[in-house]
Amino acid sequence: MGYRPWLEKRSLDIIQPDLCSSGGFTECKKIAAMAQASHTTLIPHVWGTGVGIAASLQFIASIPCNPLSLNPTEPMLEFDQSSHPFRKELIFDGIYYADGKVTIPTKPGIGVDVDTDIIKQYKIN
């Protein structure tokens, strides 16, 4: 179905596409453009591995404040702080949170390195 019908009817105050299940960067950029045109706030849904969080941070860094207005809101990150060893270990704990803010990683790609040994450790045969 997608977000278009919901946005056209102004049925939602906030939309939360998940980068990892909504078609990646390209589709989420389209969703962000529709949200912007509809004056609807977009806060990406982020749940899962550190790879998903890192990718979502890069996506958030690429979108403008929303909605465009005299007092726009900076894009926000839904940031799970629960104990989740696989999430942190998979990316060498490459996401840093302090004073209510998450730093956007600056390494190439999505900004984090993946620990392939952790993938092997959690692999189910």
PDB file of N, CA and C in Angstrom:
ATOM      1  N   MET A   1       0.835  -1.187   0.000  1.00  0.00           N
ATOM      2  CA  MET A   1       0.000   0.000   0.000  1.00  0.00           C
ATOM      3  C   MET A   1       0.880   1.250   0.000  1.00  0.00           C
ATOM      4  N   GLY A   2       1.881   1.317   0.828  1.00  0.00           N
ATOM      5  CA  GLY A   2       2.758   2.470   0.883  1.00  0.00           C
ATOM      6  C   GLY A   2       2.187   3.617   1.702  1.00  0.00           C
ATOM      7  N   TYR A   3       2.955   4.685   1.775  1.00  0.00           N
ATOM      8  CA  TYR A   3       2.582   5.836   2.595  1.00  0.00           C
ATOM      9  C   TYR A   3       1.713   6.859   1.868  1.00  0.00           C
ATOM     10  N   ARG A   4       1.729   6.855   0.543  1.00  0.00           N
ATOM     11  CA  ARG A   4       1.034   7.903  -0.216  1.00  0.00           C
ATOM     12  C   ARG A   4      -0.417   8.123   0.201  1.00  0.00           C
ATOM     13  N   PRO A   5      -1.255   7.065   0.282  1.00  0.00           N
ATOM     14  CA  PRO A   5      -2.660   7.305   0.672  1.00  0.00           C
ATOM     15  C   PRO A   5      -2.787   7.940   2.059  1.00  0.00           C
ATOM     16  N   TRP A   6      -1.964   7.507   2.986  1.00  0.00           N
ATOM     17  CA  TRP A   6      -2.010   8.058   4.335  1.00  0.00           C
ATOM     18  C   TRP A   6      -1.607   9.525   4.342  1.00  0.00           C
ATOM     19  N   LEU A   7      -0.574   9.841   3.571  1.00  0.00           N
ATOM     20  CA  LEU A   7      -0.086  11.220   3.517  1.00  0.00           C
ATOM     21  C   LEU A   7      -1.076  12.131   2.782  1.00  0.00           C
ATOM     22  N   GLU A   8      -1.663  11.637   1.696  1.00  0.00           N
ATOM     23  CA  GLU A   8      -2.640  12.433   0.945  1.00  0.00           C
ATOM     24  C   GLU A   8      -3.855  12.780   1.798  1.00  0.00           C
ATOM     25  N   LYS A   9      -4.258  11.859   2.670  1.00  0.00           N
ATOM     26  CA  LYS A   9      -5.417  12.095   3.535  1.00  0.00           C
ATOM     27  C   LYS A   9      -5.027  12.804   4.832  1.00  0.00           C
ATOM     28  N   ARG A  10      -3.733  13.044   5.004  1.00  0.00           N
ATOM     29  CA  ARG A  10      -3.214  13.647   6.241  1.00  0.00           C
ATOM     30  C   ARG A  10      -3.692  12.865   7.464  1.00  0.00           C
ATOM     31  N   SER A  11      -3.599  11.548   7.336  1.00  0.00           N
ATOM     32  CA  SER A  11      -4.062  10.646   8.384  1.00  0.00           C
ATOM     33  C   SER A  11      -3.049  10.446   9.502  1.00  0.00           C
ATOM     34  N   LEU A  12      -1.813  10.812   9.264  1.00  0.00           N
ATOM     35  CA  LEU A  12      -0.757  10.564  10.241  1.00  0.00           C
ATOM     36  C   LEU A  12      -0.036  11.857  10.599  1.00  0.00           C
ATOM     37  N   ASP A  13       0.313  11.997  11.866  1.00  0.00           N
ATOM     38  CA  ASP A  13       1.120  13.139  12.290  1.00  0.00           C
ATOM     39  C   ASP A  13       2.600  12.855  12.094  1.00  0.00           C
ATOM     40  N   ILE A  14       2.983  11.586  12.242  1.00  0.00           N
ATOM     41  CA  ILE A  14       4.373  11.158  12.109  1.00  0.00           C
ATOM     42  C   ILE A  14       4.389   9.856  11.324  1.00  0.00           C
ATOM     43  N   ILE A  15       5.314   9.748  10.360  1.00  0.00           N
ATOM     44  CA  ILE A  15       5.490   8.466   9.680  1.00  0.00           C
ATOM     45  C   ILE A  15       6.854   7.922  10.073  1.00  0.00           C
ATOM     46  N   GLN A  16       6.938   6.591  10.143  1.00  0.00           N
ATOM     47  CA  GLN A  16       8.166   5.953  10.588  1.00  0.00           C
ATOM     48  C   GLN A  16       8.579   4.805   9.664  1.00  0.00           C
ATOM     49  N   PRO A  17       9.063   5.129   8.461  1.00  0.00           N
ATOM     50  CA  PRO A  17       9.557   4.044   7.621  1.00  0.00           C
ATOM     51  C   PRO A  17      10.835   3.469   8.213  1.00  0.00           C
ATOM     52  N   ASP A  18      11.021   2.182   8.073  1.00  0.00           N
ATOM     53  CA  ASP A  18      12.235   1.514   8.532  1.00  0.00           C
ATOM     54  C   ASP A  18      13.122   1.324   7.308  1.00  0.00           C
ATOM     55  N   LEU A  19      14.292   1.930   7.323  1.00  0.00           N
ATOM     56  CA  LEU A  19      15.203   1.881   6.190  1.00  0.00           C
ATOM     57  C   LEU A  19      15.472   0.446   5.747  1.00  0.00           C
ATOM     58  N   CYS A  20      15.571  -0.463   6.706  1.00  0.00           N
ATOM     59  CA  CYS A  20      15.913  -1.854   6.398  1.00  0.00           C
ATOM     60  C   CYS A  20      14.759  -2.662   5.816  1.00  0.00           C
ATOM     61  N   SER A  21      13.529  -2.173   5.919  1.00  0.00           N
ATOM     62  CA  SER A  21      12.398  -2.935   5.381  1.00  0.00           C
ATOM     63  C   SER A  21      11.493  -2.112   4.473  1.00  0.00           C
ATOM     64  N   SER A  22      11.914  -0.883   4.167  1.00  0.00           N
ATOM     65  CA  SER A  22      11.091  -0.017   3.308  1.00  0.00           C
ATOM     66  C   SER A  22      11.737   0.275   1.962  1.00  0.00           C
ATOM     67  N   GLY A  23      12.733  -0.510   1.601  1.00  0.00           N
ATOM     68  CA  GLY A  23      13.345  -0.316   0.291  1.00  0.00           C
ATOM     69  C   GLY A  23      14.688   0.393   0.307  1.00  0.00           C
ATOM     70  N   GLY A  24      15.268   0.563   1.474  1.00  0.00           N
ATOM     71  CA  GLY A  24      16.595   1.161   1.556  1.00  0.00           C
ATOM     72  C   GLY A  24      16.598   2.665   1.395  1.00  0.00           C
ATOM     73  N   PHE A  25      17.786   3.194   1.106  1.00  0.00           N
ATOM     74  CA  PHE A  25      17.976   4.640   1.005  1.00  0.00           C
ATOM     75  C   PHE A  25      17.103   5.268  -0.086  1.00  0.00           C
ATOM     76  N   THR A  26      17.061   4.650  -1.249  1.00  0.00           N
ATOM     77  CA  THR A  26      16.340   5.249  -2.377  1.00  0.00           C
ATOM     78  C   THR A  26      14.853   5.399  -2.078  1.00  0.00           C
ATOM     79  N   GLU A  27      14.227   4.332  -1.619  1.00  0.00           N
ATOM     80  CA  GLU A  27      12.788   4.412  -1.325  1.00  0.00           C
ATOM     81  C   GLU A  27      12.508   5.337  -0.150  1.00  0.00           C
ATOM     82  N   CYS A  28      13.359   5.295   0.855  1.00  0.00           N
ATOM     83  CA  CYS A  28      13.127   6.162   2.020  1.00  0.00           C
ATOM     84  C   CYS A  28      13.323   7.637   1.665  1.00  0.00           C
ATOM     85  N   LYS A  29      14.200   7.937   0.717  1.00  0.00           N
ATOM     86  CA  LYS A  29      14.326   9.323   0.262  1.00  0.00           C
ATOM     87  C   LYS A  29      13.030   9.764  -0.430  1.00  0.00           C
ATOM     88  N   LYS A  30      12.401   8.866  -1.182  1.00  0.00           N
ATOM     89  CA  LYS A  30      11.115   9.175  -1.822  1.00  0.00           C
ATOM     90  C   LYS A  30      10.033   9.390  -0.761  1.00  0.00           C
ATOM     91  N   ILE A  31      10.028   8.533   0.242  1.00  0.00           N
ATOM     92  CA  ILE A  31       9.054   8.673   1.338  1.00  0.00           C
ATOM     93  C   ILE A  31       9.279   9.996   2.058  1.00  0.00           C
ATOM     94  N   ALA A  32      10.541  10.348   2.295  1.00  0.00           N
ATOM     95  CA  ALA A  32      10.859  11.619   2.961  1.00  0.00           C
ATOM     96  C   ALA A  32      10.371  12.811   2.137  1.00  0.00           C
ATOM     97  N   ALA A  33      10.502  12.730   0.820  1.00  0.00           N
ATOM     98  CA  ALA A  33      10.028  13.813  -0.049  1.00  0.00           C
ATOM     99  C   ALA A  33       8.503  13.932   0.021  1.00  0.00           C
ATOM    100  N   MET A  34       7.809  12.800   0.042  1.00  0.00           N
ATOM    101  CA  MET A  34       6.349  12.841   0.172  1.00  0.00           C
ATOM    102  C   MET A  34       5.942  13.416   1.527  1.00  0.00           C
ATOM    103  N   ALA A  35       6.654  13.032   2.573  1.00  0.00           N
ATOM    104  CA  ALA A  35       6.359  13.563   3.914  1.00  0.00           C
ATOM    105  C   ALA A  35       6.578  15.076   3.935  1.00  0.00           C
ATOM    106  N   GLN A  36       7.663  15.515   3.337  1.00  0.00           N
ATOM    107  CA  GLN A  36       7.963  16.951   3.292  1.00  0.00           C
ATOM    108  C   GLN A  36       6.851  17.697   2.550  1.00  0.00           C
ATOM    109  N   ALA A  37       6.429  17.164   1.419  1.00  0.00           N
ATOM    110  CA  ALA A  37       5.376  17.806   0.630  1.00  0.00           C
ATOM    111  C   ALA A  37       4.042  17.836   1.372  1.00  0.00           C
ATOM    112  N   SER A  38       3.845  16.868   2.256  1.00  0.00           N
ATOM    113  CA  SER A  38       2.596  16.780   3.018  1.00  0.00           C
ATOM    114  C   SER A  38       2.688  17.445   4.388  1.00  0.00           C
ATOM    115  N   HIS A  39       3.830  18.061   4.677  1.00  0.00           N
ATOM    116  CA  HIS A  39       4.062  18.698   5.981  1.00  0.00           C
ATOM    117  C   HIS A  39       3.855  17.702   7.120  1.00  0.00           C
ATOM    118  N   THR A  40       4.383  16.493   6.902  1.00  0.00           N
ATOM    119  CA  THR A  40       4.279  15.428   7.891  1.00  0.00           C
ATOM    120  C   THR A  40       5.663  15.094   8.415  1.00  0.00           C
ATOM    121  N   THR A  41       5.786  14.976   9.714  1.00  0.00           N
ATOM    122  CA  THR A  41       7.066  14.649  10.334  1.00  0.00           C
ATOM    123  C   THR A  41       7.459  13.212  10.033  1.00  0.00           C
ATOM    124  N   LEU A  42       8.717  13.018   9.702  1.00  0.00           N
ATOM    125  CA  LEU A  42       9.261  11.689   9.457  1.00  0.00           C
ATOM    126  C   LEU A  42      10.331  11.415  10.511  1.00  0.00           C
ATOM    127  N   ILE A  43      10.158  10.330  11.258  1.00  0.00           N
ATOM    128  CA  ILE A  43      11.158   9.853  12.216  1.00  0.00           C
ATOM    129  C   ILE A  43      11.375   8.388  11.871  1.00  0.00           C
ATOM    130  N   PRO A  44      12.489   8.058  11.229  1.00  0.00           N
ATOM    131  CA  PRO A  44      12.684   6.670  10.823  1.00  0.00           C
ATOM    132  C   PRO A  44      12.563   5.696  11.990  1.00  0.00           C
ATOM    133  N   HIS A  45      11.923   4.570  11.723  1.00  0.00           N
ATOM    134  CA  HIS A  45      11.852   3.485  12.691  1.00  0.00           C
ATOM    135  C   HIS A  45      13.188   2.754  12.620  1.00  0.00           C
ATOM    136  N   VAL A  46      13.822   2.563  13.755  1.00  0.00           N
ATOM    137  CA  VAL A  46      15.119   1.893  13.786  1.00  0.00           C
ATOM    138  C   VAL A  46      15.094   0.847  14.896  1.00  0.00           C
ATOM    139  N   TRP A  47      15.178  -0.393  14.513  1.00  0.00           N
ATOM    140  CA  TRP A  47      15.206  -1.457  15.497  1.00  0.00           C
ATOM    141  C   TRP A  47      16.018  -2.592  14.894  1.00  0.00           C
ATOM    142  N   GLY A  48      16.906  -3.135  15.629  1.00  0.00           N
ATOM    143  CA  GLY A  48      17.671  -4.261  15.102  1.00  0.00           C
ATOM    144  C   GLY A  48      19.148  -4.103  15.346  1.00  0.00           C
ATOM    145  N   THR A  49      19.945  -4.373  14.331  1.00  0.00           N
ATOM    146  CA  THR A  49      21.396  -4.397  14.491  1.00  0.00           C
ATOM    147  C   THR A  49      22.010  -3.006  14.414  1.00  0.00           C
ATOM    148  N   GLY A  50      23.263  -2.936  14.795  1.00  0.00           N
ATOM    149  CA  GLY A  50      24.014  -1.699  14.674  1.00  0.00           C
ATOM    150  C   GLY A  50      24.147  -1.260  13.229  1.00  0.00           C
ATOM    151  N   VAL A  51      24.125  -2.219  12.308  1.00  0.00           N
ATOM    152  CA  VAL A  51      24.190  -1.879  10.884  1.00  0.00           C
ATOM    153  C   VAL A  51      22.960  -1.051  10.500  1.00  0.00           C
ATOM    154  N   GLY A  52      21.791  -1.467  10.973  1.00  0.00           N
ATOM    155  CA  GLY A  52      20.563  -0.716  10.694  1.00  0.00           C
ATOM    156  C   GLY A  52      20.586   0.667  11.311  1.00  0.00           C
ATOM    157  N   ILE A  53      21.097   0.759  12.531  1.00  0.00           N
ATOM    158  CA  ILE A  53      21.190   2.071  13.189  1.00  0.00           C
ATOM    159  C   ILE A  53      22.149   2.976  12.423  1.00  0.00           C
ATOM    160  N   ALA A  54      23.316   2.440  12.055  1.00  0.00           N
ATOM    161  CA  ALA A  54      24.306   3.240  11.325  1.00  0.00           C
ATOM    162  C   ALA A  54      23.749   3.714   9.986  1.00  0.00           C
ATOM    163  N   ALA A  55      23.066   2.829   9.274  1.00  0.00           N
ATOM    164  CA  ALA A  55      22.471   3.205   7.993  1.00  0.00           C
ATOM    165  C   ALA A  55      21.401   4.277   8.191  1.00  0.00           C
ATOM    166  N   SER A  56      20.588   4.113   9.220  1.00  0.00           N
ATOM    167  CA  SER A  56      19.537   5.102   9.500  1.00  0.00           C
ATOM    168  C   SER A  56      20.128   6.454   9.875  1.00  0.00           C
ATOM    169  N   LEU A  57      21.233   6.461  10.597  1.00  0.00           N
ATOM    170  CA  LEU A  57      21.893   7.727  10.924  1.00  0.00           C
ATOM    171  C   LEU A  57      22.352   8.443   9.661  1.00  0.00           C
ATOM    172  N   GLN A  58      22.898   7.692   8.719  1.00  0.00           N
ATOM    173  CA  GLN A  58      23.344   8.304   7.461  1.00  0.00           C
ATOM    174  C   GLN A  58      22.139   8.844   6.675  1.00  0.00           C
ATOM    175  N   PHE A  59      21.040   8.095   6.707  1.00  0.00           N
ATOM    176  CA  PHE A  59      19.813   8.558   6.044  1.00  0.00           C
ATOM    177  C   PHE A  59      19.311   9.844   6.684  1.00  0.00           C
ATOM    178  N   ILE A  60      19.242   9.852   8.007  1.00  0.00           N
ATOM    179  CA  ILE A  60      18.767  11.034   8.730  1.00  0.00           C
ATOM    180  C   ILE A  60      19.625  12.248   8.400  1.00  0.00           C
ATOM    181  N   ALA A  61      20.932  12.033   8.281  1.00  0.00           N
ATOM    182  CA  ALA A  61      21.842  13.134   7.963  1.00  0.00           C
ATOM    183  C   ALA A  61      21.595  13.699   6.570  1.00  0.00           C
ATOM    184  N   SER A  62      20.922  12.926   5.729  1.00  0.00           N
ATOM    185  CA  SER A  62      20.706  13.358   4.343  1.00  0.00           C
ATOM    186  C   SER A  62      19.359  14.043   4.111  1.00  0.00           C
ATOM    187  N   ILE A  63      18.491  14.082   5.130  1.00  0.00           N
ATOM    188  CA  ILE A  63      17.172  14.680   4.929  1.00  0.00           C
ATOM    189  C   ILE A  63      17.084  16.044   5.611  1.00  0.00           C
ATOM    190  N   PRO A  64      16.267  16.924   5.064  1.00  0.00           N
ATOM    191  CA  PRO A  64      16.142  18.256   5.675  1.00  0.00           C
ATOM    192  C   PRO A  64      15.268  18.223   6.927  1.00  0.00           C
ATOM    193  N   CYS A  65      15.296  19.311   7.648  1.00  0.00           N
ATOM    194  CA  CYS A  65      14.383  19.462   8.781  1.00  0.00           C
ATOM    195  C   CYS A  65      12.965  19.292   8.272  1.00  0.00           C
ATOM    196  N   ASN A  66      12.089  18.785   9.147  1.00  0.00           N
ATOM    197  CA  ASN A  66      10.749  18.484   8.686  1.00  0.00           C
ATOM    198  C   ASN A  66       9.752  18.718   9.811  1.00  0.00           C
ATOM    199  N   PRO A  67       8.630  19.324   9.530  1.00  0.00           N
ATOM    200  CA  PRO A  67       8.280  19.935   8.246  1.00  0.00           C
ATOM    201  C   PRO A  67       8.986  21.280   8.083  1.00  0.00           C
ATOM    202  N   LEU A  68       9.126  21.685   6.831  1.00  0.00           N
ATOM    203  CA  LEU A  68       9.717  22.993   6.577  1.00  0.00           C
ATOM    204  C   LEU A  68       8.779  24.049   7.137  1.00  0.00           C
ATOM    205  N   SER A  69       9.315  24.900   7.977  1.00  0.00           N
ATOM    206  CA  SER A  69       8.494  25.926   8.616  1.00  0.00           C
ATOM    207  C   SER A  69       9.423  26.960   9.238  1.00  0.00           C
ATOM    208  N   LEU A  70       8.839  27.930   9.889  1.00  0.00           N
ATOM    209  CA  LEU A  70       9.633  28.949  10.560  1.00  0.00           C
ATOM    210  C   LEU A  70      10.490  28.319  11.662  1.00  0.00           C
ATOM    211  N   ASN A  71       9.941  27.329  12.345  1.00  0.00           N
ATOM    212  CA  ASN A  71      10.657  26.633  13.417  1.00  0.00           C
ATOM    213  C   ASN A  71      10.696  25.136  13.137  1.00  0.00           C
ATOM    214  N   PRO A  72      11.507  24.721  12.170  1.00  0.00           N
ATOM    215  CA  PRO A  72      11.519  23.298  11.810  1.00  0.00           C
ATOM    216  C   PRO A  72      12.162  22.448  12.895  1.00  0.00           C
ATOM    217  N   THR A  73      11.862  21.170  12.854  1.00  0.00           N
ATOM    218  CA  THR A  73      12.411  20.204  13.785  1.00  0.00           C
ATOM    219  C   THR A  73      13.534  19.436  13.103  1.00  0.00           C
ATOM    220  N   GLU A  74      14.667  19.337  13.782  1.00  0.00           N
ATOM    221  CA  GLU A  74      15.758  18.529  13.245  1.00  0.00           C
ATOM    222  C   GLU A  74      15.305  17.068  13.171  1.00  0.00           C
ATOM    223  N   PRO A  75      15.770  16.323  12.174  1.00  0.00           N
ATOM    224  CA  PRO A  75      15.432  14.898  12.118  1.00  0.00           C
ATOM    225  C   PRO A  75      15.871  14.192  13.397  1.00  0.00           C
ATOM    226  N   MET A  76      15.054  13.251  13.843  1.00  0.00           N
ATOM    227  CA  MET A  76      15.340  12.530  15.082  1.00  0.00           C
ATOM    228  C   MET A  76      15.591  11.058  14.801  1.00  0.00           C
ATOM    229  N   LEU A  77      16.273  10.424  15.742  1.00  0.00           N
ATOM    230  CA  LEU A  77      16.567   9.003  15.669  1.00  0.00           C
ATOM    231  C   LEU A  77      15.835   8.282  16.790  1.00  0.00           C
ATOM    232  N   GLU A  78      15.137   7.218  16.445  1.00  0.00           N
ATOM    233  CA  GLU A  78      14.577   6.326  17.454  1.00  0.00           C
ATOM    234  C   GLU A  78      15.735   5.441  17.884  1.00  0.00           C
ATOM    235  N   PHE A  79      16.212   5.623  19.108  1.00  0.00           N
ATOM    236  CA  PHE A  79      17.444   4.962  19.543  1.00  0.00           C
ATOM    237  C   PHE A  79      17.193   4.050  20.727  1.00  0.00           C
ATOM    238  N   ASP A  80      17.238   2.756  20.476  1.00  0.00           N
ATOM    239  CA  ASP A  80      17.051   1.749  21.508  1.00  0.00           C
ATOM    240  C   ASP A  80      18.311   1.678  22.363  1.00  0.00           C
ATOM    241  N   GLN A  81      18.163   1.887  23.665  1.00  0.00           N
ATOM    242  CA  GLN A  81      19.309   1.840  24.564  1.00  0.00           C
ATOM    243  C   GLN A  81      19.312   0.596  25.439  1.00  0.00           C
ATOM    244  N   SER A  82      18.443  -0.360  25.136  1.00  0.00           N
ATOM    245  CA  SER A  82      18.408  -1.584  25.927  1.00  0.00           C
ATOM    246  C   SER A  82      19.674  -2.408  25.683  1.00  0.00           C
ATOM    247  N   SER A  83      19.920  -3.332  26.590  1.00  0.00           N
ATOM    248  CA  SER A  83      21.079  -4.208  26.456  1.00  0.00           C
ATOM    249  C   SER A  83      20.875  -5.112  25.241  1.00  0.00           C
ATOM    250  N   HIS A  84      21.799  -5.057  24.326  1.00  0.00           N
ATOM    251  CA  HIS A  84      21.675  -5.807  23.084  1.00  0.00           C
ATOM    252  C   HIS A  84      23.098  -6.084  22.586  1.00  0.00           C
ATOM    253  N   PRO A  85      23.765  -7.093  23.162  1.00  0.00           N
ATOM    254  CA  PRO A  85      25.174  -7.325  22.822  1.00  0.00           C
ATOM    255  C   PRO A  85      25.434  -7.490  21.329  1.00  0.00           C
ATOM    256  N   PHE A  86      24.591  -8.232  20.619  1.00  0.00           N
ATOM    257  CA  PHE A  86      24.839  -8.445  19.181  1.00  0.00           C
ATOM    258  C   PHE A  86      24.853  -7.128  18.426  1.00  0.00           C
ATOM    259  N   ARG A  87      23.926  -6.243  18.766  1.00  0.00           N
ATOM    260  CA  ARG A  87      23.837  -4.947  18.075  1.00  0.00           C
ATOM    261  C   ARG A  87      25.141  -4.163  18.250  1.00  0.00           C
ATOM    262  N   LYS A  88      25.643  -4.104  19.464  1.00  0.00           N
ATOM    263  CA  LYS A  88      26.846  -3.325  19.747  1.00  0.00           C
ATOM    264  C   LYS A  88      28.106  -4.028  19.238  1.00  0.00           C
ATOM    265  N   GLU A  89      28.210  -5.326  19.490  1.00  0.00           N
ATOM    266  CA  GLU A  89      29.411  -6.064  19.112  1.00  0.00           C
ATOM    267  C   GLU A  89      29.586  -6.154  17.603  1.00  0.00           C
ATOM    268  N   LEU A  90      28.485  -6.261  16.879  1.00  0.00           N
ATOM    269  CA  LEU A  90      28.552  -6.417  15.429  1.00  0.00           C
ATOM    270  C   LEU A  90      29.289  -5.265  14.760  1.00  0.00           C
ATOM    271  N   ILE A  91      29.179  -4.075  15.321  1.00  0.00           N
ATOM    272  CA  ILE A  91      29.823  -2.904  14.715  1.00  0.00           C
ATOM    273  C   ILE A  91      30.906  -2.329  15.635  1.00  0.00           C
ATOM    274  N   PHE A  92      31.502  -3.184  16.425  1.00  0.00           N
ATOM    275  CA  PHE A  92      32.569  -2.753  17.343  1.00  0.00           C
ATOM    276  C   PHE A  92      32.110  -1.590  18.216  1.00  0.00           C
ATOM    277  N   ASP A  93      30.826  -1.595  18.619  1.00  0.00           N
ATOM    278  CA  ASP A  93      30.261  -0.513  19.435  1.00  0.00           C
ATOM    279  C   ASP A  93      30.514   0.848  18.790  1.00  0.00           C
ATOM    280  N   GLY A  94      30.245   0.940  17.478  1.00  0.00           N
ATOM    281  CA  GLY A  94      30.576   2.131  16.700  1.00  0.00           C
ATOM    282  C   GLY A  94      29.567   3.261  16.725  1.00  0.00           C
ATOM    283  N   ILE A  95      28.532   3.179  17.554  1.00  0.00           N
ATOM    284  CA  ILE A  95      27.549   4.258  17.668  1.00  0.00           C
ATOM    285  C   ILE A  95      27.734   4.898  19.040  1.00  0.00           C
ATOM    286  N   TYR A  96      27.910   6.216  19.049  1.00  0.00           N
ATOM    287  CA  TYR A  96      28.191   6.914  20.304  1.00  0.00           C
ATOM    288  C   TYR A  96      27.053   7.855  20.679  1.00  0.00           C
ATOM    289  N   TYR A  97      26.587   7.719  21.912  1.00  0.00           N
ATOM    290  CA  TYR A  97      25.475   8.495  22.439  1.00  0.00           C
ATOM    291  C   TYR A  97      25.962   9.253  23.665  1.00  0.00           C
ATOM    292  N   ALA A  98      25.718  10.567  23.679  1.00  0.00           N
ATOM    293  CA  ALA A  98      26.072  11.380  24.849  1.00  0.00           C
ATOM    294  C   ALA A  98      25.227  12.641  24.851  1.00  0.00           C
ATOM    295  N   ASP A  99      24.801  13.054  26.017  1.00  0.00           N
ATOM    296  CA  ASP A  99      24.028  14.290  26.187  1.00  0.00           C
ATOM    297  C   ASP A  99      22.801  14.360  25.281  1.00  0.00           C
ATOM    298  N   GLY A 100      22.120  13.219  25.110  1.00  0.00           N
ATOM    299  CA  GLY A 100      20.895  13.193  24.325  1.00  0.00           C
ATOM    300  C   GLY A 100      21.099  13.202  22.821  1.00  0.00           C
ATOM    301  N   LYS A 101      22.338  13.042  22.373  1.00  0.00           N
ATOM    302  CA  LYS A 101      22.616  13.056  20.936  1.00  0.00           C
ATOM    303  C   LYS A 101      23.447  11.842  20.539  1.00  0.00           C
ATOM    304  N   VAL A 102      23.203  11.382  19.326  1.00  0.00           N
ATOM    305  CA  VAL A 102      23.970  10.285  18.749  1.00  0.00           C
ATOM    306  C   VAL A 102      24.859  10.885  17.671  1.00  0.00           C
ATOM    307  N   THR A 103      26.135  10.578  17.738  1.00  0.00           N
ATOM    308  CA  THR A 103      27.081  11.083  16.750  1.00  0.00           C
ATOM    309  C   THR A 103      26.959  10.284  15.458  1.00  0.00           C
ATOM    310  N   ILE A 104      26.918  10.974  14.337  1.00  0.00           N
ATOM    311  CA  ILE A 104      26.848  10.301  13.040  1.00  0.00           C
ATOM    312  C   ILE A 104      28.254   9.830  12.688  1.00  0.00           C
ATOM    313  N   PRO A 105      28.436   8.522  12.500  1.00  0.00           N
ATOM    314  CA  PRO A 105      29.758   8.001  12.162  1.00  0.00           C
ATOM    315  C   PRO A 105      30.279   8.593  10.852  1.00  0.00           C
ATOM    316  N   THR A 106      31.588   8.796  10.773  1.00  0.00           N
ATOM    317  CA  THR A 106      32.166   9.456   9.598  1.00  0.00           C
ATOM    318  C   THR A 106      33.063   8.552   8.762  1.00  0.00           C
ATOM    319  N   LYS A 107      33.163   7.284   9.102  1.00  0.00           N
ATOM    320  CA  LYS A 107      33.953   6.361   8.284  1.00  0.00           C
ATOM    321  C   LYS A 107      33.251   6.175   6.936  1.00  0.00           C
ATOM    322  N   PRO A 108      33.948   5.649   5.936  1.00  0.00           N
ATOM    323  CA  PRO A 108      33.313   5.411   4.624  1.00  0.00           C
ATOM    324  C   PRO A 108      32.084   4.512   4.730  1.00  0.00           C
ATOM    325  N   GLY A 109      31.246   4.562   3.720  1.00  0.00           N
ATOM    326  CA  GLY A 109      30.030   3.745   3.684  1.00  0.00           C
ATOM    327  C   GLY A 109      29.022   4.248   4.692  1.00  0.00           C
ATOM    328  N   ILE A 110      28.500   3.343   5.497  1.00  0.00           N
ATOM    329  CA  ILE A 110      27.525   3.756   6.511  1.00  0.00           C
ATOM    330  C   ILE A 110      28.201   4.198   7.805  1.00  0.00           C
ATOM    331  N   GLY A 111      29.531   4.217   7.801  1.00  0.00           N
ATOM    332  CA  GLY A 111      30.259   4.807   8.916  1.00  0.00           C
ATOM    333  C   GLY A 111      30.740   3.869   9.997  1.00  0.00           C
ATOM    334  N   VAL A 112      30.487   2.579   9.855  1.00  0.00           N
ATOM    335  CA  VAL A 112      30.934   1.619  10.869  1.00  0.00           C
ATOM    336  C   VAL A 112      31.578   0.415  10.189  1.00  0.00           C
ATOM    337  N   ASP A 113      32.392  -0.279  10.955  1.00  0.00           N
ATOM    338  CA  ASP A 113      32.983  -1.529  10.488  1.00  0.00           C
ATOM    339  C   ASP A 113      32.186  -2.685  11.081  1.00  0.00           C
ATOM    340  N   VAL A 114      32.052  -3.763  10.315  1.00  0.00           N
ATOM    341  CA  VAL A 114      31.317  -4.943  10.771  1.00  0.00           C
ATOM    342  C   VAL A 114      32.320  -6.008  11.214  1.00  0.00           C
ATOM    343  N   ASP A 115      32.095  -6.554  12.383  1.00  0.00           N
ATOM    344  CA  ASP A 115      32.941  -7.608  12.941  1.00  0.00           C
ATOM    345  C   ASP A 115      32.425  -8.954  12.448  1.00  0.00           C
ATOM    346  N   THR A 116      33.070  -9.499  11.442  1.00  0.00           N
ATOM    347  CA  THR A 116      32.604 -10.762  10.861  1.00  0.00           C
ATOM    348  C   THR A 116      32.740 -11.934  11.829  1.00  0.00           C
ATOM    349  N   ASP A 117      33.643 -11.829  12.813  1.00  0.00           N
ATOM    350  CA  ASP A 117      33.760 -12.892  13.820  1.00  0.00           C
ATOM    351  C   ASP A 117      32.491 -12.984  14.666  1.00  0.00           C
ATOM    352  N   ILE A 118      31.844 -11.851  14.901  1.00  0.00           N
ATOM    353  CA  ILE A 118      30.591 -11.844  15.672  1.00  0.00           C
ATOM    354  C   ILE A 118      29.491 -12.539  14.875  1.00  0.00           C
ATOM    355  N   ILE A 119      29.465 -12.338  13.572  1.00  0.00           N
ATOM    356  CA  ILE A 119      28.471 -13.019  12.735  1.00  0.00           C
ATOM    357  C   ILE A 119      28.658 -14.526  12.875  1.00  0.00           C
ATOM    358  N   LYS A 120      29.902 -14.975  12.823  1.00  0.00           N
ATOM    359  CA  LYS A 120      30.168 -16.407  12.965  1.00  0.00           C
ATOM    360  C   LYS A 120      29.771 -16.911  14.346  1.00  0.00           C
ATOM    361  N   GLN A 121      29.990 -16.097  15.375  1.00  0.00           N
ATOM    362  CA  GLN A 121      29.673 -16.494  16.745  1.00  0.00           C
ATOM    363  C   GLN A 121      28.174 -16.731  16.925  1.00  0.00           C
ATOM    364  N   TYR A 122      27.343 -15.902  16.279  1.00  0.00           N
ATOM    365  CA  TYR A 122      25.894 -15.997  16.462  1.00  0.00           C
ATOM    366  C   TYR A 122      25.215 -16.847  15.370  1.00  0.00           C
ATOM    367  N   LYS A 123      26.005 -17.361  14.439  1.00  0.00           N
ATOM    368  CA  LYS A 123      25.455 -18.151  13.346  1.00  0.00           C
ATOM    369  C   LYS A 123      24.803 -19.428  13.860  1.00  0.00           C
ATOM    370  N   ILE A 124      23.647 -19.744  13.303  1.00  0.00           N
ATOM    371  CA  ILE A 124      22.940 -20.984  13.646  1.00  0.00           C
ATOM    372  C   ILE A 124      23.134 -21.951  12.487  1.00  0.00           C
ATOM    373  N   ASN A 125      23.656 -23.120  12.788  1.00  0.00           N
ATOM    374  CA  ASN A 125      23.915 -24.097  11.713  1.00  0.00           C
ATOM    375  C   ASN A 125      22.695 -24.906  11.403  1.00  0.00           C
TER     376      ASN A 125
END
